[in-house]
mmCIF file of all heavy atoms, coordinates in Angstrom:
data_MODEL
# 
_entry.id   MODEL 
# 
loop_
_atom_site.group_PDB 
_atom_site.id 
_atom_site.type_symbol 
_atom_site.label_atom_id 
_atom_site.label_alt_id 
_atom_site.label_comp_id 
_atom_site.label_asym_id 
_atom_site.label_entity_id 
_atom_site.label_seq_id 
_atom_site.pdbx_PDB_ins_code 
_atom_site.Cartn_x 
_atom_site.Cartn_y 
_atom_site.Cartn_z 
_atom_site.occupancy 
_atom_site.B_iso_or_equiv 
_atom_site.pdbx_formal_charge 
_atom_site.auth_seq_id 
_atom_site.auth_comp_id 
_atom_site.auth_asym_id 
_atom_site.auth_atom_id 
_atom_site.pdbx_PDB_model_num 
ATOM 1   N N   . MET A 1 1  ? -7.741  2.682  3.567   1.00 0.00 ? 1  MET A N   1 
ATOM 2   C CA  . MET A 1 1  ? -6.684  1.756  3.345   1.00 0.00 ? 1  MET A CA  1 
ATOM 3   C C   . MET A 1 1  ? -6.952  0.976  2.095   1.00 0.00 ? 1  MET A C   1 
ATOM 4   O O   . MET A 1 1  ? -7.702  0.002  2.093   1.00 0.00 ? 1  MET A O   1 
ATOM 5   C CB  . MET A 1 1  ? -6.533  0.771  4.632   1.00 0.00 ? 1  MET A CB  1 
ATOM 6   C CG  . MET A 1 1  ? -5.846  1.452  5.855   1.00 0.00 ? 1  MET A CG  1 
ATOM 7   S SD  . MET A 1 1  ? -4.224  2.093  5.399   1.00 0.00 ? 1  MET A SD  1 
ATOM 8   C CE  . MET A 1 1  ? -3.468  0.610  4.748   1.00 0.00 ? 1  MET A CE  1 
ATOM 9   N N   . ALA A 1 2  ? -6.354  1.396  1.038   1.00 0.00 ? 2  ALA A N   1 
ATOM 10  C CA  . ALA A 1 2  ? -6.771  0.888  -0.240  1.00 0.00 ? 2  ALA A CA  1 
ATOM 11  C C   . ALA A 1 2  ? -5.945  -0.300 -0.640  1.00 0.00 ? 2  ALA A C   1 
ATOM 12  O O   . ALA A 1 2  ? -6.571  -1.379 -1.273  1.00 0.00 ? 2  ALA A O   1 
ATOM 13  C CB  . ALA A 1 2  ? -6.447  1.937  -1.330  1.00 0.00 ? 2  ALA A CB  1 
ATOM 14  N N   . HIS A 1 3  ? -4.689  -0.505 -0.115  1.00 0.00 ? 3  HIS A N   1 
ATOM 15  C CA  . HIS A 1 3  ? -3.860  -1.677 -0.437  1.00 0.00 ? 3  HIS A CA  1 
ATOM 16  C C   . HIS A 1 3  ? -2.914  -1.932 0.700   1.00 0.00 ? 3  HIS A C   1 
ATOM 17  O O   . HIS A 1 3  ? -2.618  -1.005 1.381   1.00 0.00 ? 3  HIS A O   1 
ATOM 18  C CB  . HIS A 1 3  ? -3.066  -1.377 -1.781  1.00 0.00 ? 3  HIS A CB  1 
ATOM 19  C CG  . HIS A 1 3  ? -3.932  -1.178 -3.049  1.00 0.00 ? 3  HIS A CG  1 
ATOM 20  N ND1 . HIS A 1 3  ? -4.358  -2.190 -3.821  1.00 0.00 ? 3  HIS A ND1 1 
ATOM 21  C CD2 . HIS A 1 3  ? -4.408  -0.059 -3.598  1.00 0.00 ? 3  HIS A CD2 1 
ATOM 22  C CE1 . HIS A 1 3  ? -5.081  -1.669 -4.873  1.00 0.00 ? 3  HIS A CE1 1 
ATOM 23  N NE2 . HIS A 1 3  ? -5.109  -0.416 -4.598  1.00 0.00 ? 3  HIS A NE2 1 
ATOM 24  N N   . ASP A 1 4  ? -2.315  -3.188 0.670   1.00 0.00 ? 4  ASP A N   1 
ATOM 25  C CA  . ASP A 1 4  ? -1.307  -3.538 1.537   1.00 0.00 ? 4  ASP A CA  1 
ATOM 26  C C   . ASP A 1 4  ? -0.037  -3.013 1.077   1.00 0.00 ? 4  ASP A C   1 
ATOM 27  O O   . ASP A 1 4  ? 0.989   -2.726 1.932   1.00 0.00 ? 4  ASP A O   1 
ATOM 28  C CB  . ASP A 1 4  ? -1.255  -5.042 1.833   1.00 0.00 ? 4  ASP A CB  1 
ATOM 29  C CG  . ASP A 1 4  ? -2.447  -5.677 2.400   1.00 0.00 ? 4  ASP A CG  1 
ATOM 30  O OD1 . ASP A 1 4  ? -3.121  -4.881 3.187   1.00 0.00 ? 4  ASP A OD1 1 
ATOM 31  O OD2 . ASP A 1 4  ? -2.760  -6.743 2.184   1.00 0.00 ? 4  ASP A OD2 1 
ATOM 32  N N   . SER A 1 5  ? 0.296   -2.746 -0.290  1.00 0.00 ? 5  SER A N   1 
ATOM 33  C CA  . SER A 1 5  ? 1.471   -2.378 -0.805  1.00 0.00 ? 5  SER A CA  1 
ATOM 34  C C   . SER A 1 5  ? 1.417   -0.850 -1.219  1.00 0.00 ? 5  SER A C   1 
ATOM 35  O O   . SER A 1 5  ? 0.406   -0.267 -0.994  1.00 0.00 ? 5  SER A O   1 
ATOM 36  C CB  . SER A 1 5  ? 1.730   -3.177 -2.070  1.00 0.00 ? 5  SER A CB  1 
ATOM 37  O OG  . SER A 1 5  ? 1.794   -4.529 -1.834  1.00 0.00 ? 5  SER A OG  1 
ATOM 38  N N   . ARG A 1 6  ? 2.524   -0.371 -1.548  1.00 0.00 ? 6  ARG A N   1 
ATOM 39  C CA  . ARG A 1 6  ? 2.479   0.962  -1.927  1.00 0.00 ? 6  ARG A CA  1 
ATOM 40  C C   . ARG A 1 6  ? 1.689   1.401  -3.108  1.00 0.00 ? 6  ARG A C   1 
ATOM 41  O O   . ARG A 1 6  ? 1.646   0.630  -4.128  1.00 0.00 ? 6  ARG A O   1 
ATOM 42  C CB  . ARG A 1 6  ? 3.944   1.351  -2.187  1.00 0.00 ? 6  ARG A CB  1 
ATOM 43  C CG  . ARG A 1 6  ? 4.437   2.776  -2.651  1.00 0.00 ? 6  ARG A CG  1 
ATOM 44  C CD  . ARG A 1 6  ? 5.873   2.925  -2.719  1.00 0.00 ? 6  ARG A CD  1 
ATOM 45  N NE  . ARG A 1 6  ? 6.423   1.942  -3.499  1.00 0.00 ? 6  ARG A NE  1 
ATOM 46  C CZ  . ARG A 1 6  ? 6.629   2.019  -4.830  1.00 0.00 ? 6  ARG A CZ  1 
ATOM 47  N NH1 . ARG A 1 6  ? 6.111   3.025  -5.493  1.00 0.00 ? 6  ARG A NH1 1 
ATOM 48  N NH2 . ARG A 1 6  ? 7.126   1.085  -5.502  1.00 0.00 ? 6  ARG A NH2 1 
ATOM 49  N N   . ILE A 1 7  ? 1.065   2.539  -3.086  1.00 0.00 ? 7  ILE A N   1 
ATOM 50  C CA  . ILE A 1 7  ? 0.165   3.021  -4.143  1.00 0.00 ? 7  ILE A CA  1 
ATOM 51  C C   . ILE A 1 7  ? 1.092   3.626  -5.246  1.00 0.00 ? 7  ILE A C   1 
ATOM 52  O O   . ILE A 1 7  ? 1.980   4.365  -5.037  1.00 0.00 ? 7  ILE A O   1 
ATOM 53  C CB  . ILE A 1 7  ? -0.749  4.161  -3.630  1.00 0.00 ? 7  ILE A CB  1 
ATOM 54  C CG1 . ILE A 1 7  ? -1.665  3.710  -2.436  1.00 0.00 ? 7  ILE A CG1 1 
ATOM 55  C CG2 . ILE A 1 7  ? -1.670  4.678  -4.806  1.00 0.00 ? 7  ILE A CG2 1 
ATOM 56  C CD1 . ILE A 1 7  ? -2.576  2.706  -2.727  1.00 0.00 ? 7  ILE A CD1 1 
ATOM 57  N N   . VAL A 1 8  ? 0.737   3.089  -6.602  1.00 0.00 ? 8  VAL A N   1 
ATOM 58  C CA  . VAL A 1 8  ? 1.548   3.609  -7.607  1.00 0.00 ? 8  VAL A CA  1 
ATOM 59  C C   . VAL A 1 8  ? 0.804   4.388  -8.657  1.00 0.00 ? 8  VAL A C   1 
ATOM 60  O O   . VAL A 1 8  ? 1.277   4.986  -9.596  1.00 0.00 ? 8  VAL A O   1 
ATOM 61  C CB  . VAL A 1 8  ? 2.250   2.359  -8.276  1.00 0.00 ? 8  VAL A CB  1 
ATOM 62  C CG1 . VAL A 1 8  ? 3.225   1.726  -7.364  1.00 0.00 ? 8  VAL A CG1 1 
ATOM 63  C CG2 . VAL A 1 8  ? 1.262   1.399  -8.886  1.00 0.00 ? 8  VAL A CG2 1 
ATOM 64  N N   . CYS A 1 9  ? -0.591  4.280  -8.572  1.00 0.00 ? 9  CYS A N   1 
ATOM 65  C CA  . CYS A 1 9  ? -1.376  4.979  -9.627  1.00 0.00 ? 9  CYS A CA  1 
ATOM 66  C C   . CYS A 1 9  ? -2.749  5.260  -8.975  1.00 0.00 ? 9  CYS A C   1 
ATOM 67  O O   . CYS A 1 9  ? -3.333  4.522  -8.295  1.00 0.00 ? 9  CYS A O   1 
ATOM 68  C CB  . CYS A 1 9  ? -1.525  4.076  -10.857 1.00 0.00 ? 9  CYS A CB  1 
ATOM 69  S SG  . CYS A 1 9  ? -1.829  5.039  -12.407 1.00 0.00 ? 9  CYS A SG  1 
ATOM 70  N N   . LEU A 1 10 ? -3.274  6.368  -9.434  1.00 0.00 ? 10 LEU A N   1 
ATOM 71  C CA  . LEU A 1 10 ? -4.501  6.897  -8.945  1.00 0.00 ? 10 LEU A CA  1 
ATOM 72  C C   . LEU A 1 10 ? -5.349  7.548  -10.184 1.00 0.00 ? 10 LEU A C   1 
ATOM 73  O O   . LEU A 1 10 ? -4.705  7.833  -11.070 1.00 0.00 ? 10 LEU A O   1 
ATOM 74  C CB  . LEU A 1 10 ? -4.457  8.043  -7.971  1.00 0.00 ? 10 LEU A CB  1 
ATOM 75  C CG  . LEU A 1 10 ? -3.652  7.857  -6.519  1.00 0.00 ? 10 LEU A CG  1 
ATOM 76  C CD1 . LEU A 1 10 ? -3.666  9.152  -5.947  1.00 0.00 ? 10 LEU A CD1 1 
ATOM 77  C CD2 . LEU A 1 10 ? -4.526  6.927  -5.773  1.00 0.00 ? 10 LEU A CD2 1 
ATOM 78  N N   . ALA A 1 11 ? -6.655  7.325  -10.046 1.00 0.00 ? 11 ALA A N   1 
ATOM 79  C CA  . ALA A 1 11 ? -7.515  8.044  -10.957 1.00 0.00 ? 11 ALA A CA  1 
ATOM 80  C C   . ALA A 1 11 ? -8.803  8.605  -10.321 1.00 0.00 ? 11 ALA A C   1 
ATOM 81  O O   . ALA A 1 11 ? -9.248  7.867  -9.349  1.00 0.00 ? 11 ALA A O   1 
ATOM 82  C CB  . ALA A 1 11 ? -7.923  7.178  -12.257 1.00 0.00 ? 11 ALA A CB  1 
ATOM 83  N N   . LEU A 1 12 ? -9.287  9.674  -10.698 1.00 0.00 ? 12 LEU A N   1 
ATOM 84  C CA  . LEU A 1 12 ? -10.514 10.237 -10.084 1.00 0.00 ? 12 LEU A CA  1 
ATOM 85  C C   . LEU A 1 12 ? -11.512 10.597 -11.195 1.00 0.00 ? 12 LEU A C   1 
ATOM 86  O O   . LEU A 1 12 ? -11.098 11.069 -12.216 1.00 0.00 ? 12 LEU A O   1 
ATOM 87  C CB  . LEU A 1 12 ? -10.145 11.518 -9.295  1.00 0.00 ? 12 LEU A CB  1 
ATOM 88  C CG  . LEU A 1 12 ? -11.187 12.054 -8.207  1.00 0.00 ? 12 LEU A CG  1 
ATOM 89  C CD1 . LEU A 1 12 ? -11.436 11.079 -7.116  1.00 0.00 ? 12 LEU A CD1 1 
ATOM 90  C CD2 . LEU A 1 12 ? -10.532 13.371 -7.653  1.00 0.00 ? 12 LEU A CD2 1 
ATOM 91  N N   . THR A 1 13 ? -12.789 10.362 -10.951 1.00 0.00 ? 13 THR A N   1 
ATOM 92  C CA  . THR A 1 13 ? -13.802 10.805 -11.906 1.00 0.00 ? 13 THR A CA  1 
ATOM 93  C C   . THR A 1 13 ? -13.803 12.299 -11.958 1.00 0.00 ? 13 THR A C   1 
ATOM 94  O O   . THR A 1 13 ? -13.347 13.027 -10.986 1.00 0.00 ? 13 THR A O   1 
ATOM 95  C CB  . THR A 1 13 ? -15.023 10.210 -11.685 1.00 0.00 ? 13 THR A CB  1 
ATOM 96  O OG1 . THR A 1 13 ? -15.528 10.609 -10.342 1.00 0.00 ? 13 THR A OG1 1 
ATOM 97  C CG2 . THR A 1 13 ? -15.248 8.764  -11.939 1.00 0.00 ? 13 THR A CG2 1 
ATOM 98  N N   . HIS A 1 14 ? -14.394 13.021 -13.013 1.00 0.00 ? 14 HIS A N   1 
ATOM 99  C CA  . HIS A 1 14 ? -14.356 14.391 -13.038 1.00 0.00 ? 14 HIS A CA  1 
ATOM 100 C C   . HIS A 1 14 ? -15.100 15.073 -11.892 1.00 0.00 ? 14 HIS A C   1 
ATOM 101 O O   . HIS A 1 14 ? -14.637 16.201 -11.470 1.00 0.00 ? 14 HIS A O   1 
ATOM 102 C CB  . HIS A 1 14 ? -15.071 14.852 -14.397 1.00 0.00 ? 14 HIS A CB  1 
ATOM 103 C CG  . HIS A 1 14 ? -14.129 14.682 -15.538 1.00 0.00 ? 14 HIS A CG  1 
ATOM 104 N ND1 . HIS A 1 14 ? -12.912 15.395 -15.767 1.00 0.00 ? 14 HIS A ND1 1 
ATOM 105 C CD2 . HIS A 1 14 ? -14.308 13.943 -16.773 1.00 0.00 ? 14 HIS A CD2 1 
ATOM 106 C CE1 . HIS A 1 14 ? -12.453 15.101 -16.937 1.00 0.00 ? 14 HIS A CE1 1 
ATOM 107 N NE2 . HIS A 1 14 ? -13.138 14.205 -17.437 1.00 0.00 ? 14 HIS A NE2 1 
ATOM 108 N N   . ASP A 1 15 ? -16.122 14.378 -11.405 1.00 0.00 ? 15 ASP A N   1 
ATOM 109 C CA  . ASP A 1 15 ? -16.884 14.945 -10.307 1.00 0.00 ? 15 ASP A CA  1 
ATOM 110 C C   . ASP A 1 15 ? -16.346 14.537 -8.931  1.00 0.00 ? 15 ASP A C   1 
ATOM 111 O O   . ASP A 1 15 ? -16.863 15.039 -7.889  1.00 0.00 ? 15 ASP A O   1 
ATOM 112 C CB  . ASP A 1 15 ? -18.442 14.577 -10.335 1.00 0.00 ? 15 ASP A CB  1 
ATOM 113 C CG  . ASP A 1 15 ? -18.546 13.066 -10.305 1.00 0.00 ? 15 ASP A CG  1 
ATOM 114 O OD1 . ASP A 1 15 ? -17.556 12.301 -10.206 1.00 0.00 ? 15 ASP A OD1 1 
ATOM 115 O OD2 . ASP A 1 15 ? -19.821 12.660 -10.603 1.00 0.00 ? 15 ASP A OD2 1 
ATOM 116 N N   . GLY A 1 16 ? -15.295 13.605 -8.977  1.00 0.00 ? 16 GLY A N   1 
ATOM 117 C CA  . GLY A 1 16 ? -14.626 13.371 -7.687  1.00 0.00 ? 16 GLY A CA  1 
ATOM 118 C C   . GLY A 1 16 ? -15.367 12.316 -6.861  1.00 0.00 ? 16 GLY A C   1 
ATOM 119 O O   . GLY A 1 16 ? -14.945 12.053 -5.804  1.00 0.00 ? 16 GLY A O   1 
ATOM 120 N N   . ARG A 1 17 ? -16.299 11.598 -7.484  1.00 0.00 ? 17 ARG A N   1 
ATOM 121 C CA  . ARG A 1 17 ? -17.118 10.662 -6.686  1.00 0.00 ? 17 ARG A CA  1 
ATOM 122 C C   . ARG A 1 17 ? -16.454 9.294  -6.617  1.00 0.00 ? 17 ARG A C   1 
ATOM 123 O O   . ARG A 1 17 ? -16.590 8.603  -5.592  1.00 0.00 ? 17 ARG A O   1 
ATOM 124 C CB  . ARG A 1 17 ? -18.579 10.443 -7.187  1.00 0.00 ? 17 ARG A CB  1 
ATOM 125 C CG  . ARG A 1 17 ? -19.508 11.685 -7.160  1.00 0.00 ? 17 ARG A CG  1 
ATOM 126 C CD  . ARG A 1 17 ? -20.798 11.405 -7.760  1.00 0.00 ? 17 ARG A CD  1 
ATOM 127 N NE  . ARG A 1 17 ? -20.518 11.001 -9.245  1.00 0.00 ? 17 ARG A NE  1 
ATOM 128 C CZ  . ARG A 1 17 ? -21.002 9.623  -9.575  1.00 0.00 ? 17 ARG A CZ  1 
ATOM 129 N NH1 . ARG A 1 17 ? -21.504 8.942  -8.695  1.00 0.00 ? 17 ARG A NH1 1 
ATOM 130 N NH2 . ARG A 1 17 ? -20.859 9.357  -10.832 1.00 0.00 ? 17 ARG A NH2 1 
ATOM 131 N N   . LEU A 1 18 ? -15.741 8.985  -7.657  1.00 0.00 ? 18 LEU A N   1 
ATOM 132 C CA  . LEU A 1 18 ? -15.231 7.654  -7.695  1.00 0.00 ? 18 LEU A CA  1 
ATOM 133 C C   . LEU A 1 18 ? -13.594 7.624  -7.740  1.00 0.00 ? 18 LEU A C   1 
ATOM 134 O O   . LEU A 1 18 ? -13.084 8.563  -8.463  1.00 0.00 ? 18 LEU A O   1 
ATOM 135 C CB  . LEU A 1 18 ? -15.678 6.931  -8.996  1.00 0.00 ? 18 LEU A CB  1 
ATOM 136 C CG  . LEU A 1 18 ? -17.268 6.609  -9.023  1.00 0.00 ? 18 LEU A CG  1 
ATOM 137 C CD1 . LEU A 1 18 ? -17.475 5.844  -10.247 1.00 0.00 ? 18 LEU A CD1 1 
ATOM 138 C CD2 . LEU A 1 18 ? -17.626 5.742  -7.741  1.00 0.00 ? 18 LEU A CD2 1 
ATOM 139 N N   . LEU A 1 19 ? -12.951 6.840  -7.078  1.00 0.00 ? 19 LEU A N   1 
ATOM 140 C CA  . LEU A 1 19 ? -11.523 6.633  -7.105  1.00 0.00 ? 19 LEU A CA  1 
ATOM 141 C C   . LEU A 1 19 ? -11.018 5.400  -7.469  1.00 0.00 ? 19 LEU A C   1 
ATOM 142 O O   . LEU A 1 19 ? -11.611 4.344  -6.967  1.00 0.00 ? 19 LEU A O   1 
ATOM 143 C CB  . LEU A 1 19 ? -11.023 7.092  -5.633  1.00 0.00 ? 19 LEU A CB  1 
ATOM 144 C CG  . LEU A 1 19 ? -9.631  6.657  -5.309  1.00 0.00 ? 19 LEU A CG  1 
ATOM 145 C CD1 . LEU A 1 19 ? -8.580  7.569  -6.047  1.00 0.00 ? 19 LEU A CD1 1 
ATOM 146 C CD2 . LEU A 1 19 ? -9.362  6.794  -3.750  1.00 0.00 ? 19 LEU A CD2 1 
ATOM 147 N N   . ALA A 1 20 ? -10.094 5.227  -8.390  1.00 0.00 ? 20 ALA A N   1 
ATOM 148 C CA  . ALA A 1 20 ? -9.494  3.993  -8.738  1.00 0.00 ? 20 ALA A CA  1 
ATOM 149 C C   . ALA A 1 20 ? -7.991  3.953  -8.244  1.00 0.00 ? 20 ALA A C   1 
ATOM 150 O O   . ALA A 1 20 ? -7.275  4.983  -8.347  1.00 0.00 ? 20 ALA A O   1 
ATOM 151 C CB  . ALA A 1 20 ? -9.548  3.762  -10.203 1.00 0.00 ? 20 ALA A CB  1 
ATOM 152 N N   . THR A 1 21 ? -7.525  2.946  -7.721  1.00 0.00 ? 21 THR A N   1 
ATOM 153 C CA  . THR A 1 21 ? -6.215  2.802  -7.108  1.00 0.00 ? 21 THR A CA  1 
ATOM 154 C C   . THR A 1 21 ? -5.565  1.520  -7.611  1.00 0.00 ? 21 THR A C   1 
ATOM 155 O O   . THR A 1 21 ? -6.161  0.452  -7.832  1.00 0.00 ? 21 THR A O   1 
ATOM 156 C CB  . THR A 1 21 ? -6.149  2.893  -5.675  1.00 0.00 ? 21 THR A CB  1 
ATOM 157 O OG1 . THR A 1 21 ? -6.889  1.634  -5.143  1.00 0.00 ? 21 THR A OG1 1 
ATOM 158 C CG2 . THR A 1 21 ? -6.909  4.036  -5.086  1.00 0.00 ? 21 THR A CG2 1 
ATOM 159 N N   . ALA A 1 22 ? -4.201  1.631  -7.821  1.00 0.00 ? 22 ALA A N   1 
ATOM 160 C CA  . ALA A 1 22 ? -3.341  0.350  -8.074  1.00 0.00 ? 22 ALA A CA  1 
ATOM 161 C C   . ALA A 1 22 ? -2.187  0.470  -7.212  1.00 0.00 ? 22 ALA A C   1 
ATOM 162 O O   . ALA A 1 22 ? -1.666  1.493  -6.903  1.00 0.00 ? 22 ALA A O   1 
ATOM 163 C CB  . ALA A 1 22 ? -3.009  0.328  -9.541  1.00 0.00 ? 22 ALA A CB  1 
ATOM 164 N N   . SER A 1 23 ? -1.732  -0.803 -6.863  1.00 0.00 ? 23 SER A N   1 
ATOM 165 C CA  . SER A 1 23 ? -0.552  -0.827 -5.970  1.00 0.00 ? 23 SER A CA  1 
ATOM 166 C C   . SER A 1 23 ? 0.672   -1.320 -6.635  1.00 0.00 ? 23 SER A C   1 
ATOM 167 O O   . SER A 1 23 ? 0.577   -1.638 -7.881  1.00 0.00 ? 23 SER A O   1 
ATOM 168 C CB  . SER A 1 23 ? -0.821  -1.720 -4.710  1.00 0.00 ? 23 SER A CB  1 
ATOM 169 O OG  . SER A 1 23 ? -0.765  -3.090 -5.194  1.00 0.00 ? 23 SER A OG  1 
ATOM 170 N N   . SER A 1 24 ? 1.795   -1.511 -6.028  1.00 0.00 ? 24 SER A N   1 
ATOM 171 C CA  . SER A 1 24 ? 3.024   -1.957 -6.723  1.00 0.00 ? 24 SER A CA  1 
ATOM 172 C C   . SER A 1 24 ? 2.905   -3.349 -7.154  1.00 0.00 ? 24 SER A C   1 
ATOM 173 O O   . SER A 1 24 ? 3.762   -3.769 -8.019  1.00 0.00 ? 24 SER A O   1 
ATOM 174 C CB  . SER A 1 24 ? 4.220   -1.716 -5.572  1.00 0.00 ? 24 SER A CB  1 
ATOM 175 O OG  . SER A 1 24 ? 3.922   -2.424 -4.507  1.00 0.00 ? 24 SER A OG  1 
# 
């Protein structure tokens, strides 16, 4: 559960270990 609002953007490191998220 990353955010209370809708997810609008994602990014993943090349190895898939880290995830960045932004909401509306």
